[in-house]
Amino acid sequence: MASIYKEILLDADPADVWAAISDVGAAHIRLVPGVLVDARLDGDARIVTFANGMVARELIVTLDHDARRFVYASVGGRAVHHDASFQVFPDGEHGTRLVWITDVLPDALVEPIGQNMDLGAAAMKRTLEREAGAR
């Protein structure tokens, strides 16, 4: 199994970053606009639609407000196994270190999923820092 690790340093308050991440049904608005074009809750899951038209069902595994940690598992599709987590940590006086880890099988999916994560990380940085600057 392959793991993809992204650490994103943000000039934004950890509480605000967590508020955006934990609003799981609004990821397409508050977190990664342009990468996701829709997200909607469906019971214990969310259905996300990517800009390229791909649709994924993601089971919400953990939404831990105390640890500021969100875990989801993508089901169906090409992956035999695909789970991911976000965790928010303070970084300095007003910054945030956002850790995003994805585990996936088969290993052949590392490159396309890694590319999507790169797009997502850039969108998160843009969106969350723009929101912080607006405050």
C-alpha atoms as a PDB file:
ATOM      1  CA  MET A   1       0.000   0.000   0.000  1.00  0.00           C
ATOM      2  CA  ALA A   2       1.258   3.434  -0.864  1.00  0.00           C
ATOM      3  CA  SER A   3       0.933   6.537   1.280  1.00  0.00           C
ATOM      4  CA  ILE A   4       0.923  10.077  -0.033  1.00  0.00           C
ATOM      5  CA  TYR A   5       1.861  12.734   2.521  1.00  0.00           C
ATOM      6  CA  LYS A   6       1.218  16.460   2.090  1.00  0.00           C
ATOM      7  CA  GLU A   7       2.062  19.114   4.647  1.00  0.00           C
ATOM      8  CA  ILE A   8       0.551  22.498   3.877  1.00  0.00           C
ATOM      9  CA  LEU A   9       1.690  25.587   5.779  1.00  0.00           C
ATOM     10  CA  LEU A  10      -1.029  28.205   5.930  1.00  0.00           C
ATOM     11  CA  ASP A  11      -1.102  31.820   6.999  1.00  0.00           C
ATOM     12  CA  ALA A  12      -4.482  31.247   8.642  1.00  0.00           C
ATOM     13  CA  ASP A  13      -5.821  30.581  12.124  1.00  0.00           C
ATOM     14  CA  PRO A  14      -6.110  26.854  12.986  1.00  0.00           C
ATOM     15  CA  ALA A  15      -9.684  27.315  14.232  1.00  0.00           C
ATOM     16  CA  ASP A  16     -10.712  28.815  10.893  1.00  0.00           C
ATOM     17  CA  VAL A  17      -8.938  26.070   8.947  1.00  0.00           C
ATOM     18  CA  TRP A  18     -10.665  23.413  11.035  1.00  0.00           C
ATOM     19  CA  ALA A  19     -14.038  25.118  10.569  1.00  0.00           C
ATOM     20  CA  ALA A  20     -13.621  24.842   6.782  1.00  0.00           C
ATOM     21  CA  ILE A  21     -12.386  21.236   6.827  1.00  0.00           C
ATOM     22  CA  SER A  22     -15.041  20.040   9.264  1.00  0.00           C
ATOM     23  CA  ASP A  23     -17.803  21.543   7.117  1.00  0.00           C
ATOM     24  CA  VAL A  24     -17.582  18.366   5.035  1.00  0.00           C
ATOM     25  CA  GLY A  25     -20.649  19.072   2.919  1.00  0.00           C
ATOM     26  CA  ALA A  26     -19.235  22.406   1.740  1.00  0.00           C
ATOM     27  CA  ALA A  27     -15.719  21.372   0.695  1.00  0.00           C
ATOM     28  CA  HIS A  28     -16.407  22.601  -2.836  1.00  0.00           C
ATOM     29  CA  ILE A  29     -17.046  26.107  -1.481  1.00  0.00           C
ATOM     30  CA  ARG A  30     -14.940  26.501   1.674  1.00  0.00           C
ATOM     31  CA  LEU A  31     -11.932  24.307   0.962  1.00  0.00           C
ATOM     32  CA  VAL A  32     -11.180  23.396  -2.663  1.00  0.00           C
ATOM     33  CA  PRO A  33     -13.306  25.464  -5.044  1.00  0.00           C
ATOM     34  CA  GLY A  34     -12.366  24.746  -8.622  1.00  0.00           C
ATOM     35  CA  VAL A  35     -11.105  21.259  -7.753  1.00  0.00           C
ATOM     36  CA  LEU A  36     -14.488  20.106  -6.483  1.00  0.00           C
ATOM     37  CA  VAL A  37     -17.580  21.533  -8.126  1.00  0.00           C
ATOM     38  CA  ASP A  38     -20.073  19.884  -5.772  1.00  0.00           C
ATOM     39  CA  ALA A  39     -20.233  18.092  -2.439  1.00  0.00           C
ATOM     40  CA  ARG A  40     -23.350  16.837  -0.738  1.00  0.00           C
ATOM     41  CA  LEU A  41     -24.009  14.792   2.342  1.00  0.00           C
ATOM     42  CA  ASP A  42     -25.694  11.400   1.963  1.00  0.00           C
ATOM     43  CA  GLY A  43     -26.160   9.734   5.346  1.00  0.00           C
ATOM     44  CA  ASP A  44     -22.738   8.787   6.725  1.00  0.00           C
ATOM     45  CA  ALA A  45     -21.027   9.765   3.475  1.00  0.00           C
ATOM     46  CA  ARG A  46     -20.539  12.636   1.110  1.00  0.00           C
ATOM     47  CA  ILE A  47     -20.713  12.571  -2.648  1.00  0.00           C
ATOM     48  CA  VAL A  48     -18.096  14.802  -4.275  1.00  0.00           C
ATOM     49  CA  THR A  49     -17.887  15.844  -7.904  1.00  0.00           C
ATOM     50  CA  PHE A  50     -14.503  16.863  -9.272  1.00  0.00           C
ATOM     51  CA  ALA A  51     -13.994  19.517 -11.950  1.00  0.00           C
ATOM     52  CA  ASN A  52     -13.056  16.762 -14.416  1.00  0.00           C
ATOM     53  CA  GLY A  53     -16.491  15.164 -13.931  1.00  0.00           C
ATOM     54  CA  MET A  54     -15.363  12.280 -11.719  1.00  0.00           C
ATOM     55  CA  VAL A  55     -17.797  11.524  -8.877  1.00  0.00           C
ATOM     56  CA  ALA A  56     -16.691   9.803  -5.661  1.00  0.00           C
ATOM     57  CA  ARG A  57     -18.513   8.522  -2.607  1.00  0.00           C
ATOM     58  CA  GLU A  58     -16.540   9.164   0.574  1.00  0.00           C
ATOM     59  CA  LEU A  59     -17.549   7.525   3.853  1.00  0.00           C
ATOM     60  CA  ILE A  60     -17.061   9.845   6.801  1.00  0.00           C
ATOM     61  CA  VAL A  61     -14.993   7.721   9.176  1.00  0.00           C
ATOM     62  CA  THR A  62     -13.979  10.244  11.841  1.00  0.00           C
ATOM     63  CA  LEU A  63     -14.775  13.880  12.494  1.00  0.00           C
ATOM     64  CA  ASP A  64     -12.907  14.592  15.730  1.00  0.00           C
ATOM     65  CA  HIS A  65     -13.319  18.220  16.765  1.00  0.00           C
ATOM     66  CA  ASP A  66     -10.997  17.888  19.775  1.00  0.00           C
ATOM     67  CA  ALA A  67      -8.092  16.506  17.736  1.00  0.00           C
ATOM     68  CA  ARG A  68      -9.096  18.565  14.647  1.00  0.00           C
ATOM     69  CA  ARG A  69      -8.912  15.419  12.560  1.00  0.00           C
ATOM     70  CA  PHE A  70     -11.128  14.316   9.673  1.00  0.00           C
ATOM     71  CA  VAL A  71     -10.859  10.837   8.121  1.00  0.00           C
ATOM     72  CA  TYR A  72     -12.726   9.593   5.080  1.00  0.00           C
ATOM     73  CA  ALA A  73     -12.679   6.470   2.911  1.00  0.00           C
ATOM     74  CA  SER A  74     -13.432   6.611  -0.790  1.00  0.00           C
ATOM     75  CA  VAL A  75     -15.509   3.608  -1.845  1.00  0.00           C
ATOM     76  CA  GLY A  76     -16.133   2.230  -5.300  1.00  0.00           C
ATOM     77  CA  GLY A  77     -14.102   3.369  -8.254  1.00  0.00           C
ATOM     78  CA  ARG A  78     -10.699   2.046  -9.288  1.00  0.00           C
ATOM     79  CA  ALA A  79      -9.100   1.826  -5.844  1.00  0.00           C
ATOM     80  CA  VAL A  80      -9.189  -1.403  -3.854  1.00  0.00           C
ATOM     81  CA  HIS A  81      -8.409   0.720  -0.784  1.00  0.00           C
ATOM     82  CA  HIS A  82      -8.446   4.511  -0.448  1.00  0.00           C
ATOM     83  CA  ASP A  83      -8.594   6.373   2.827  1.00  0.00           C
ATOM     84  CA  ALA A  84      -7.367   9.802   3.747  1.00  0.00           C
ATOM     85  CA  SER A  85      -7.051  12.079   6.741  1.00  0.00           C
ATOM     86  CA  PHE A  86      -6.676  15.771   7.403  1.00  0.00           C
ATOM     87  CA  GLN A  87      -5.319  17.039  10.682  1.00  0.00           C
ATOM     88  CA  VAL A  88      -4.907  20.669  11.714  1.00  0.00           C
ATOM     89  CA  PHE A  89      -2.031  21.823  13.955  1.00  0.00           C
ATOM     90  CA  PRO A  90      -1.062  25.298  15.152  1.00  0.00           C
ATOM     91  CA  ASP A  91       2.127  26.611  13.539  1.00  0.00           C
ATOM     92  CA  GLY A  92       3.630  29.638  15.216  1.00  0.00           C
ATOM     93  CA  GLU A  93       1.488  32.389  16.650  1.00  0.00           C
ATOM     94  CA  HIS A  94      -1.225  32.568  13.961  1.00  0.00           C
ATOM     95  CA  GLY A  95      -0.382  29.947  11.366  1.00  0.00           C
ATOM     96  CA  THR A  96      -1.519  26.414  10.642  1.00  0.00           C
ATOM     97  CA  ARG A  97       0.184  23.214   9.581  1.00  0.00           C
ATOM     98  CA  LEU A  98      -2.322  21.051   7.735  1.00  0.00           C
ATOM     99  CA  VAL A  99      -1.319  17.412   7.290  1.00  0.00           C
ATOM    100  CA  TRP A 100      -3.100  15.425   4.575  1.00  0.00           C
ATOM    101  CA  ILE A 101      -2.320  11.717   4.254  1.00  0.00           C
ATOM    102  CA  THR A 102      -3.826   9.330   1.736  1.00  0.00           C
ATOM    103  CA  ASP A 103      -3.324   5.543   1.702  1.00  0.00           C
ATOM    104  CA  VAL A 104      -4.174   3.806  -1.561  1.00  0.00           C
ATOM    105  CA  LEU A 105      -4.107   0.462  -3.347  1.00  0.00           C
ATOM    106  CA  PRO A 106      -3.130  -0.355  -6.025  1.00  0.00           C
ATOM    107  CA  ASP A 107       0.122   1.571  -6.116  1.00  0.00           C
ATOM    108  CA  ALA A 108      -0.559   2.508  -9.757  1.00  0.00           C
ATOM    109  CA  LEU A 109      -3.064   5.086  -8.469  1.00  0.00           C
ATOM    110  CA  VAL A 110      -0.429   7.037  -6.542  1.00  0.00           C
ATOM    111  CA  GLU A 111       0.409   9.315  -9.468  1.00  0.00           C
ATOM    112  CA  PRO A 112      -3.136  10.393 -10.432  1.00  0.00           C
ATOM    113  CA  ILE A 113      -4.254  10.707  -6.812  1.00  0.00           C
ATOM    114  CA  GLY A 114      -1.062  12.593  -5.948  1.00  0.00           C
ATOM    115  CA  GLN A 115      -1.748  15.014  -8.803  1.00  0.00           C
ATOM    116  CA  ASN A 116      -5.279  15.613  -7.490  1.00  0.00           C
ATOM    117  CA  MET A 117      -3.859  16.169  -4.021  1.00  0.00           C
ATOM    118  CA  ASP A 118      -1.395  18.733  -5.422  1.00  0.00           C
ATOM    119  CA  LEU A 119      -4.308  20.589  -7.026  1.00  0.00           C
ATOM    120  CA  GLY A 120      -6.276  20.324  -3.780  1.00  0.00           C
ATOM    121  CA  ALA A 121      -3.372  21.554  -1.642  1.00  0.00           C
ATOM    122  CA  ALA A 122      -2.906  24.608  -3.875  1.00  0.00           C
ATOM    123  CA  ALA A 123      -6.646  25.352  -3.804  1.00  0.00           C
ATOM    124  CA  MET A 124      -6.755  25.001  -0.004  1.00  0.00           C
ATOM    125  CA  LYS A 125      -3.819  27.350   0.445  1.00  0.00           C
ATOM    126  CA  ARG A 126      -5.379  29.949  -1.873  1.00  0.00           C
ATOM    127  CA  THR A 127      -8.854  29.674  -0.366  1.00  0.00           C
ATOM    128  CA  LEU A 128      -7.958  29.501   3.319  1.00  0.00           C
ATOM    129  CA  GLU A 129      -5.357  32.276   3.172  1.00  0.00           C
ATOM    130  CA  ARG A 130      -7.710  34.506   1.144  1.00  0.00           C
ATOM    131  CA  GLU A 131     -10.382  33.997   3.811  1.00  0.00           C
ATOM    132  CA  ALA A 132      -7.858  34.779   6.567  1.00  0.00           C
ATOM    133  CA  GLY A 133      -6.826  37.970   4.755  1.00  0.00           C
ATOM    134  CA  ALA A 134     -10.442  39.057   4.482  1.00  0.00           C
ATOM    135  CA  ARG A 135     -10.830  39.029   8.272  1.00  0.00           C
END
